[in-house]
Amino acid sequence: MARSPSPPKPAARRKPSPPAEAAAPAAEDGDIEERIYRSVFEGVTGQRLAPGTKLPEASLCELFGVSRALVRKVLQRLAHDHIVELRPNRGAIVAMPSPDETRQIFEARRALEAALVRMAVRNATKAEVAELRRHLKEEHAAMHRYTQPDWARLASSFHLRVARLARNPILERYLSELMSRCSLIVALYEPPGNASCEHEEHAAVVDAIARGDEDTAVRAMEEHLLVLERNIALDRPASQRSLGQMLGLG
């Protein structure tokens, strides 16, 4: 006797997708992570956080109302960018580049920029030189508006613009890393009132590039970087303010 066919099984019910709000905590974690990173980074570059300042995990957790796991993640990022040092069993501190390390970093940067400038002179087109001159005008305008953040950004990007003309992205990438470390050292140790880059020194480099004068361009850039290094004072006193005050939170 033939068996009657079994009735079809009901289709498995799919679990409803979680509401959009369920993704919010991850997004909020990313926002607060960036906020903590920027607070420490700007505290260092704004010379509120002196070299060697302790950054206790417990204090950061309390100040920002977050978990230790999130604070540790931010400190790892800051250590990767050479802004803080992570000391085993002793916690994190704001980086303290030694005189020898400072000398070595600037020495490496001078050697690298000398090579990049020489290649830039050989490769730069008239249109690219004109673009450099427009950049110098922006620098000059920012300097006379006394907008330090704009001026510092334009001054740093000048070096990368020149490096781009060398047509060697590998060397350009190395320079970007060295510049990040130099910028930290300058932010930590340059006395207030000094410009991190002088407009006239940049203009001398561009003039030499425009003339196709490799040796003069290299000398102008080297002297510019030597002046920058000489302006650094490695003896900043420790701050007496609380961590919250140094981070601009109180």
Protein backbone atom coordinates (compact mmCIF):
# COMPACT_ATOMS: atom_id res chain seq x y z
CA MET A 1 0.00 0.00 0.00
CA ALA A 2 1.48 3.31 -1.05
CA ARG A 3 2.27 5.69 1.76
CA SER A 4 0.76 9.09 1.51
CA PRO A 5 3.33 11.81 1.11
CA SER A 6 4.39 13.56 4.29
CA PRO A 7 3.07 17.08 4.63
CA PRO A 8 5.68 19.72 3.77
CA LYS A 9 7.66 21.06 6.71
CA PRO A 10 6.98 24.66 7.52
CA ALA A 11 9.76 26.98 6.40
CA ALA A 12 12.18 27.83 9.16
CA ARG A 13 11.42 31.21 10.61
CA ARG A 14 14.23 33.68 10.31
CA LYS A 15 15.15 35.63 13.36
CA PRO A 16 14.22 39.25 12.95
CA SER A 17 17.15 41.54 12.32
CA PRO A 18 18.12 43.58 15.33
CA PRO A 19 16.97 47.18 15.21
CA ALA A 20 19.37 49.77 13.86
CA GLU A 21 19.91 51.06 17.37
CA ALA A 22 21.79 47.82 18.22
CA ALA A 23 24.81 49.04 16.22
CA ALA A 24 24.97 52.27 18.18
CA PRO A 25 27.26 51.06 21.02
CA ALA A 26 30.03 50.11 18.56
CA ALA A 27 29.74 53.49 16.86
CA GLU A 28 29.77 55.21 20.24
CA ASP A 29 32.88 53.23 21.25
CA GLY A 30 34.60 54.45 18.08
CA ASP A 31 33.62 58.04 18.82
CA ILE A 32 34.87 57.97 22.40
CA GLU A 33 38.06 56.17 21.37
CA GLU A 34 38.78 58.96 18.91
CA ARG A 35 37.92 61.57 21.53
CA ILE A 36 40.39 60.11 24.03
CA TYR A 37 43.08 59.83 21.34
CA ARG A 38 42.56 63.44 20.23
CA SER A 39 42.53 64.71 23.83
CA VAL A 40 45.92 63.16 24.58
CA PHE A 41 47.37 64.01 21.15
CA GLU A 42 46.28 67.66 21.38
CA GLY A 43 47.40 67.85 25.00
CA VAL A 44 50.89 66.83 23.87
CA THR A 45 51.07 68.98 20.73
CA GLY A 46 49.56 71.94 22.61
CA GLN A 47 52.31 71.57 25.26
CA ARG A 48 49.81 70.98 28.08
CA LEU A 49 51.08 67.42 28.64
CA ALA A 50 54.80 67.57 29.36
CA PRO A 51 57.21 64.75 28.46
CA GLY A 52 57.13 62.06 31.11
CA THR A 53 53.60 62.89 32.33
CA LYS A 54 51.98 59.72 33.70
CA LEU A 55 48.77 58.56 32.02
CA PRO A 56 47.23 56.13 34.55
CA GLU A 57 44.57 53.85 33.07
CA ALA A 58 42.33 54.31 36.12
CA SER A 59 42.43 58.10 35.81
CA LEU A 60 41.64 58.03 32.10
CA CYS A 61 38.76 55.61 32.72
CA GLU A 62 37.32 57.97 35.32
CA LEU A 63 37.81 61.12 33.25
CA PHE A 64 36.14 59.67 30.15
CA GLY A 65 33.75 57.21 31.78
CA VAL A 66 35.00 54.20 29.80
CA SER A 67 36.39 50.73 30.39
CA ARG A 68 40.04 49.83 30.86
CA ALA A 69 39.88 47.80 27.64
CA LEU A 70 39.02 50.91 25.63
CA VAL A 71 41.68 53.01 27.37
CA ARG A 72 44.31 50.35 26.67
CA LYS A 73 43.31 50.29 23.01
CA VAL A 74 43.82 54.07 22.77
CA LEU A 75 47.16 53.90 24.57
CA GLN A 76 48.33 51.22 22.14
CA ARG A 77 47.47 53.54 19.22
CA LEU A 78 49.30 56.43 20.87
CA ALA A 79 52.34 54.22 21.48
CA HIS A 80 52.32 53.10 17.84
CA ASP A 81 52.43 56.79 16.84
CA HIS A 82 55.32 57.44 19.28
CA ILE A 83 53.21 59.85 21.35
CA VAL A 84 53.32 57.77 24.53
CA GLU A 85 55.60 55.09 25.92
CA LEU A 86 54.15 51.90 27.42
CA ARG A 87 56.36 50.69 30.26
CA PRO A 88 55.86 47.09 31.47
CA ASN A 89 54.23 47.03 34.91
CA ARG A 90 54.58 50.81 35.24
CA GLY A 91 51.92 52.15 32.90
CA ALA A 92 51.98 54.77 30.15
CA ILE A 93 53.75 58.12 30.06
CA VAL A 94 54.00 60.88 27.48
CA ALA A 95 56.98 60.11 25.25
CA MET A 96 60.36 61.47 26.30
CA PRO A 97 62.64 61.51 23.24
CA SER A 98 66.23 61.58 24.49
CA PRO A 99 68.83 64.01 23.12
CA ASP A 100 70.43 61.12 21.20
CA GLU A 101 67.11 59.99 19.73
CA THR A 102 66.24 63.58 18.79
CA ARG A 103 69.60 64.01 17.05
CA GLN A 104 69.21 60.71 15.18
CA ILE A 105 65.67 61.52 14.01
CA PHE A 106 66.66 64.95 12.67
CA GLU A 107 69.83 63.51 11.14
CA ALA A 108 67.76 60.90 9.28
CA ARG A 109 65.27 63.52 8.17
CA ARG A 110 67.99 65.82 6.79
CA ALA A 111 69.53 62.97 4.80
CA LEU A 112 66.16 61.88 3.44
CA GLU A 113 64.96 65.36 2.51
CA ALA A 114 68.29 66.11 0.80
CA ALA A 115 67.71 63.15 -1.51
CA LEU A 116 64.06 64.06 -2.09
CA VAL A 117 64.82 67.72 -2.82
CA ARG A 118 67.49 66.77 -5.33
CA MET A 119 65.03 64.52 -7.15
CA ALA A 120 62.32 67.19 -6.92
CA VAL A 121 64.57 69.70 -8.70
CA ARG A 122 65.11 67.22 -11.53
CA ASN A 123 61.43 66.31 -11.90
CA ALA A 124 59.37 69.39 -11.04
CA THR A 125 57.36 70.97 -13.84
CA LYS A 126 56.63 74.69 -14.17
CA ALA A 127 53.05 74.01 -13.14
CA GLU A 128 54.19 72.21 -10.00
CA VAL A 129 56.56 75.04 -9.07
CA ALA A 130 53.65 77.46 -9.53
CA GLU A 131 51.59 75.26 -7.17
CA LEU A 132 54.38 75.45 -4.57
CA ARG A 133 54.34 79.23 -4.83
CA ARG A 134 50.56 79.26 -4.28
CA HIS A 135 51.14 77.13 -1.20
CA LEU A 136 53.68 79.69 0.06
CA LYS A 137 51.05 82.43 -0.32
CA GLU A 138 48.65 80.41 1.83
CA GLU A 139 51.40 79.98 4.45
CA HIS A 140 52.08 83.71 4.44
CA ALA A 141 48.39 84.57 4.83
CA ALA A 142 47.96 82.10 7.72
CA MET A 143 51.05 83.47 9.44
CA HIS A 144 49.72 87.03 9.32
CA ARG A 145 46.28 85.93 10.51
CA TYR A 146 48.03 84.43 13.55
CA THR A 147 46.16 81.16 13.06
CA GLN A 148 48.78 78.80 14.50
CA PRO A 149 46.97 75.51 13.68
CA ASP A 150 46.53 76.50 10.02
CA TRP A 151 50.10 77.75 9.81
CA ALA A 152 51.52 74.58 11.37
CA ARG A 153 49.46 72.38 9.03
CA LEU A 154 50.56 74.30 5.94
CA ALA A 155 54.20 74.38 7.06
CA SER A 156 54.25 70.60 7.49
CA SER A 157 52.45 69.91 4.23
CA PHE A 158 55.02 72.03 2.36
CA HIS A 159 57.67 69.37 3.00
CA LEU A 160 55.39 66.60 1.76
CA ARG A 161 54.51 68.60 -1.35
CA VAL A 162 58.19 68.95 -2.19
CA ALA A 163 58.72 65.23 -1.51
CA ARG A 164 55.87 64.36 -3.89
CA LEU A 165 57.76 66.05 -6.73
CA ALA A 166 60.55 63.48 -6.31
CA ARG A 167 58.24 60.83 -7.82
CA ASN A 168 59.33 58.26 -5.22
CA PRO A 169 56.37 57.23 -3.04
CA ILE A 170 58.49 54.90 -0.90
CA LEU A 171 60.83 57.68 0.21
CA GLU A 172 57.83 59.99 0.58
CA ARG A 173 56.22 57.49 2.98
CA TYR A 174 59.41 57.27 5.05
CA LEU A 175 59.51 61.05 5.25
CA SER A 176 55.90 61.18 6.45
CA GLU A 177 56.79 58.89 9.37
CA LEU A 178 59.90 60.88 10.26
CA MET A 179 57.95 64.12 10.10
CA SER A 180 55.39 62.76 12.56
CA ARG A 181 58.18 62.04 15.03
CA CYS A 182 59.82 65.42 14.41
CA SER A 183 56.50 67.18 14.90
CA LEU A 184 56.06 65.45 18.25
CA ILE A 185 59.55 66.51 19.37
CA VAL A 186 58.92 70.09 18.26
CA ALA A 187 55.53 70.15 19.99
CA LEU A 188 57.06 68.80 23.20
CA TYR A 189 60.23 70.83 23.37
CA GLU A 190 60.11 73.95 21.22
CA PRO A 191 59.80 77.07 23.39
CA PRO A 192 56.56 79.08 22.90
CA GLY A 193 56.77 81.84 20.31
CA ASN A 194 59.03 80.00 17.86
CA ALA A 195 57.63 79.13 14.45
CA SER A 196 58.18 75.47 13.62
CA CYS A 197 58.96 76.42 10.03
CA GLU A 198 60.01 79.81 8.71
CA HIS A 199 58.23 81.05 5.59
CA GLU A 200 61.34 82.70 4.13
CA GLU A 201 63.28 79.43 4.40
CA HIS A 202 60.57 77.61 2.47
CA ALA A 203 60.62 80.35 -0.16
CA ALA A 204 64.40 79.92 -0.61
CA VAL A 205 63.89 76.21 -1.31
CA VAL A 206 61.20 76.93 -3.91
CA ASP A 207 63.33 79.59 -5.62
CA ALA A 208 66.19 77.11 -5.99
CA ILE A 209 63.84 74.42 -7.35
CA ALA A 210 62.46 76.92 -9.86
CA ARG A 211 66.01 77.70 -11.08
CA GLY A 212 66.90 74.01 -11.33
CA ASP A 213 69.70 74.56 -8.81
CA GLU A 214 70.01 71.23 -6.97
CA ASP A 215 72.92 72.13 -4.67
CA THR A 216 71.35 75.39 -3.47
CA ALA A 217 67.98 73.73 -2.90
CA VAL A 218 69.59 70.98 -0.82
CA ARG A 219 71.64 73.48 1.22
CA ALA A 220 68.56 75.65 1.83
CA MET A 221 66.54 72.68 3.07
CA GLU A 222 69.38 71.40 5.26
CA GLU A 223 69.89 74.81 6.89
CA HIS A 224 66.14 75.10 7.43
CA LEU A 225 66.04 71.75 9.27
CA LEU A 226 69.15 72.60 11.31
CA VAL A 227 67.48 75.81 12.51
CA LEU A 228 64.40 73.82 13.46
CA GLU A 229 66.52 71.39 15.48
CA ARG A 230 68.48 74.17 17.19
CA ASN A 231 65.24 75.73 18.45
CA ILE A 232 64.45 72.65 20.53
CA ALA A 233 65.03 72.87 24.29
CA LEU A 234 65.05 69.48 26.01
CA ASP A 235 64.52 70.80 29.54
CA ARG A 236 60.82 71.59 29.90
CA PRO A 237 59.72 71.71 33.56
CA ALA A 238 57.05 69.31 34.82
CA SER A 239 53.50 70.68 35.07
CA GLN A 240 51.81 71.00 38.47
CA ARG A 241 48.27 70.73 37.03
CA SER A 242 46.02 67.68 37.27
CA LEU A 243 45.72 65.23 34.38
CA GLY A 244 42.19 66.45 33.69
CA GLN A 245 43.37 70.06 33.45
CA MET A 246 46.23 69.10 31.15
CA LEU A 247 43.75 67.27 28.91
CA GLY A 248 41.49 70.33 28.83
CA LEU A 249 38.75 68.55 30.81
CA GLY A 250 38.77 70.63 33.93
